[in-house]
Amino acid sequence: MIGVEFSSKELAFLLALLEADRQTALQLLAAEHAYRPTLLPKLQEAEKVLKAMKNLEG
């Protein structure tokens, strides 16, 4: 398991995204990406770390 740190605004955004219907979620994602993509880079980096860890184990 790895740790990913989120600000309170990022966490609120993720919760809103997960609780929203599909259309609202798409709108939230588009708005986040257009204005300030902070979550995507963090999640992409976390995915890279997990893949590297999995490759070391396997």
N, C-alpha and C. Protein backbone atom coordinates (compact mmCIF):
# COMPACT_ATOMS: atom_id res chain seq x y z
N MET A 1 0.85 -1.18 0.00
CA MET A 1 0.00 0.00 0.00
C MET A 1 0.89 1.24 0.00
N ILE A 2 0.43 2.28 -0.67
CA ILE A 2 1.17 3.54 -0.71
C ILE A 2 0.31 4.65 -0.15
N GLY A 3 0.95 5.72 0.24
CA GLY A 3 0.20 6.87 0.76
C GLY A 3 0.14 7.98 -0.28
N VAL A 4 -1.04 8.55 -0.44
CA VAL A 4 -1.23 9.69 -1.32
C VAL A 4 -1.87 10.78 -0.48
N GLU A 5 -1.25 11.95 -0.47
CA GLU A 5 -1.78 13.03 0.34
C GLU A 5 -2.68 13.93 -0.50
N PHE A 6 -3.85 14.24 0.06
CA PHE A 6 -4.81 15.12 -0.60
C PHE A 6 -5.08 16.32 0.28
N SER A 7 -5.27 17.47 -0.34
CA SER A 7 -5.70 18.64 0.42
C SER A 7 -7.18 18.47 0.75
N SER A 8 -7.70 19.29 1.63
CA SER A 8 -9.12 19.19 1.97
C SER A 8 -9.99 19.50 0.75
N LYS A 9 -9.55 20.40 -0.10
CA LYS A 9 -10.32 20.72 -1.32
C LYS A 9 -10.31 19.55 -2.29
N GLU A 10 -9.15 18.89 -2.42
CA GLU A 10 -9.07 17.73 -3.30
C GLU A 10 -9.94 16.60 -2.78
N LEU A 11 -9.93 16.38 -1.49
CA LEU A 11 -10.75 15.33 -0.90
C LEU A 11 -12.24 15.64 -1.08
N ALA A 12 -12.63 16.89 -0.88
CA ALA A 12 -14.03 17.27 -1.09
C ALA A 12 -14.43 17.06 -2.55
N PHE A 13 -13.52 17.37 -3.47
CA PHE A 13 -13.78 17.17 -4.89
C PHE A 13 -13.98 15.69 -5.19
N LEU A 14 -13.09 14.84 -4.68
CA LEU A 14 -13.22 13.39 -4.91
C LEU A 14 -14.53 12.85 -4.35
N LEU A 15 -14.91 13.29 -3.17
CA LEU A 15 -16.17 12.83 -2.58
C LEU A 15 -17.36 13.28 -3.43
N ALA A 16 -17.33 14.52 -3.88
CA ALA A 16 -18.41 15.02 -4.73
C ALA A 16 -18.48 14.23 -6.03
N LEU A 17 -17.32 13.92 -6.57
CA LEU A 17 -17.25 13.15 -7.80
C LEU A 17 -17.84 11.75 -7.63
N LEU A 18 -17.49 11.11 -6.54
CA LEU A 18 -17.98 9.75 -6.29
C LEU A 18 -19.46 9.70 -5.94
N GLU A 19 -19.97 10.77 -5.36
CA GLU A 19 -21.38 10.80 -4.97
C GLU A 19 -22.29 11.30 -6.09
N ALA A 20 -21.73 11.86 -7.14
CA ALA A 20 -22.52 12.48 -8.21
C ALA A 20 -23.02 11.44 -9.22
N ASP A 21 -24.04 11.85 -9.96
CA ASP A 21 -24.46 11.01 -11.07
C ASP A 21 -23.44 11.15 -12.20
N ARG A 22 -23.56 10.35 -13.21
CA ARG A 22 -22.57 10.31 -14.28
C ARG A 22 -22.35 11.66 -14.96
N GLN A 23 -23.43 12.35 -15.31
CA GLN A 23 -23.31 13.63 -16.01
C GLN A 23 -22.60 14.67 -15.14
N THR A 24 -22.98 14.75 -13.89
CA THR A 24 -22.35 15.71 -12.98
C THR A 24 -20.88 15.36 -12.79
N ALA A 25 -20.58 14.07 -12.67
CA ALA A 25 -19.19 13.64 -12.50
C ALA A 25 -18.34 14.06 -13.70
N LEU A 26 -18.88 13.89 -14.89
CA LEU A 26 -18.16 14.29 -16.09
C LEU A 26 -17.92 15.80 -16.12
N GLN A 27 -18.91 16.55 -15.70
CA GLN A 27 -18.76 18.01 -15.65
C GLN A 27 -17.71 18.41 -14.62
N LEU A 28 -17.70 17.76 -13.46
CA LEU A 28 -16.70 18.04 -12.44
C LEU A 28 -15.29 17.72 -12.93
N LEU A 29 -15.16 16.58 -13.59
CA LEU A 29 -13.85 16.20 -14.12
C LEU A 29 -13.36 17.19 -15.17
N ALA A 30 -14.25 17.61 -16.04
CA ALA A 30 -13.88 18.57 -17.08
C ALA A 30 -13.47 19.90 -16.46
N ALA A 31 -14.19 20.34 -15.45
CA ALA A 31 -13.87 21.60 -14.80
C ALA A 31 -12.54 21.51 -14.06
N GLU A 32 -12.29 20.41 -13.38
CA GLU A 32 -11.04 20.26 -12.63
C GLU A 32 -9.86 20.23 -13.59
N HIS A 33 -10.01 19.54 -14.70
CA HIS A 33 -8.91 19.43 -15.65
C HIS A 33 -8.65 20.78 -16.34
N ALA A 34 -9.70 21.51 -16.65
CA ALA A 34 -9.55 22.77 -17.37
C ALA A 34 -8.91 23.86 -16.50
N TYR A 35 -9.19 23.85 -15.21
CA TYR A 35 -8.73 24.94 -14.36
C TYR A 35 -7.45 24.65 -13.60
N ARG A 36 -7.35 23.49 -13.00
CA ARG A 36 -6.17 23.19 -12.18
C ARG A 36 -6.07 21.69 -11.93
N PRO A 37 -5.42 20.98 -12.83
CA PRO A 37 -5.34 19.53 -12.68
C PRO A 37 -4.35 19.12 -11.60
N THR A 38 -4.82 19.00 -10.37
CA THR A 38 -3.94 18.60 -9.27
C THR A 38 -4.10 17.14 -8.90
N LEU A 39 -5.28 16.61 -9.07
CA LEU A 39 -5.52 15.23 -8.67
C LEU A 39 -4.92 14.23 -9.65
N LEU A 40 -5.07 14.49 -10.93
CA LEU A 40 -4.60 13.52 -11.92
C LEU A 40 -3.11 13.24 -11.79
N PRO A 41 -2.25 14.23 -11.68
CA PRO A 41 -0.83 13.91 -11.52
C PRO A 41 -0.53 13.08 -10.27
N LYS A 42 -1.20 13.38 -9.18
CA LYS A 42 -0.98 12.61 -7.94
C LYS A 42 -1.41 11.16 -8.12
N LEU A 43 -2.55 10.96 -8.74
CA LEU A 43 -3.05 9.60 -8.94
C LEU A 43 -2.21 8.83 -9.96
N GLN A 44 -1.74 9.52 -10.98
CA GLN A 44 -0.87 8.86 -11.96
C GLN A 44 0.44 8.42 -11.32
N GLU A 45 1.00 9.26 -10.48
CA GLU A 45 2.24 8.91 -9.79
C GLU A 45 2.02 7.72 -8.84
N ALA A 46 0.90 7.72 -8.14
CA ALA A 46 0.59 6.61 -7.25
C ALA A 46 0.44 5.31 -8.04
N GLU A 47 -0.17 5.39 -9.21
CA GLU A 47 -0.32 4.20 -10.06
C GLU A 47 1.05 3.67 -10.50
N LYS A 48 1.96 4.57 -10.86
CA LYS A 48 3.31 4.16 -11.26
C LYS A 48 4.02 3.44 -10.11
N VAL A 49 3.88 3.98 -8.91
CA VAL A 49 4.52 3.36 -7.75
C VAL A 49 3.95 1.97 -7.51
N LEU A 50 2.63 1.84 -7.59
CA LEU A 50 2.01 0.53 -7.38
C LEU A 50 2.45 -0.49 -8.44
N LYS A 51 2.53 -0.05 -9.70
CA LYS A 51 3.00 -0.95 -10.75
C LYS A 51 4.43 -1.39 -10.52
N ALA A 52 5.28 -0.45 -10.09
CA ALA A 52 6.67 -0.80 -9.81
C ALA A 52 6.75 -1.78 -8.67
N MET A 53 5.95 -1.58 -7.63
CA MET A 53 5.94 -2.49 -6.49
C MET A 53 5.47 -3.87 -6.93
N LYS A 54 4.48 -3.92 -7.77
CA LYS A 54 3.94 -5.19 -8.25
C LYS A 54 4.99 -5.93 -9.09
N ASN A 55 5.71 -5.19 -9.92
CA ASN A 55 6.75 -5.80 -10.75
C ASN A 55 7.88 -6.37 -9.90
N LEU A 56 8.18 -5.72 -8.80
CA LEU A 56 9.23 -6.22 -7.90
C LEU A 56 8.79 -7.49 -7.20
N GLU A 57 7.50 -7.57 -6.88
CA GLU A 57 6.97 -8.74 -6.19
C GLU A 57 6.86 -9.94 -7.11
N GLY A 58 6.50 -9.69 -8.37
CA GLY A 58 6.20 -10.76 -9.31
C GLY A 58 7.39 -11.30 -9.96
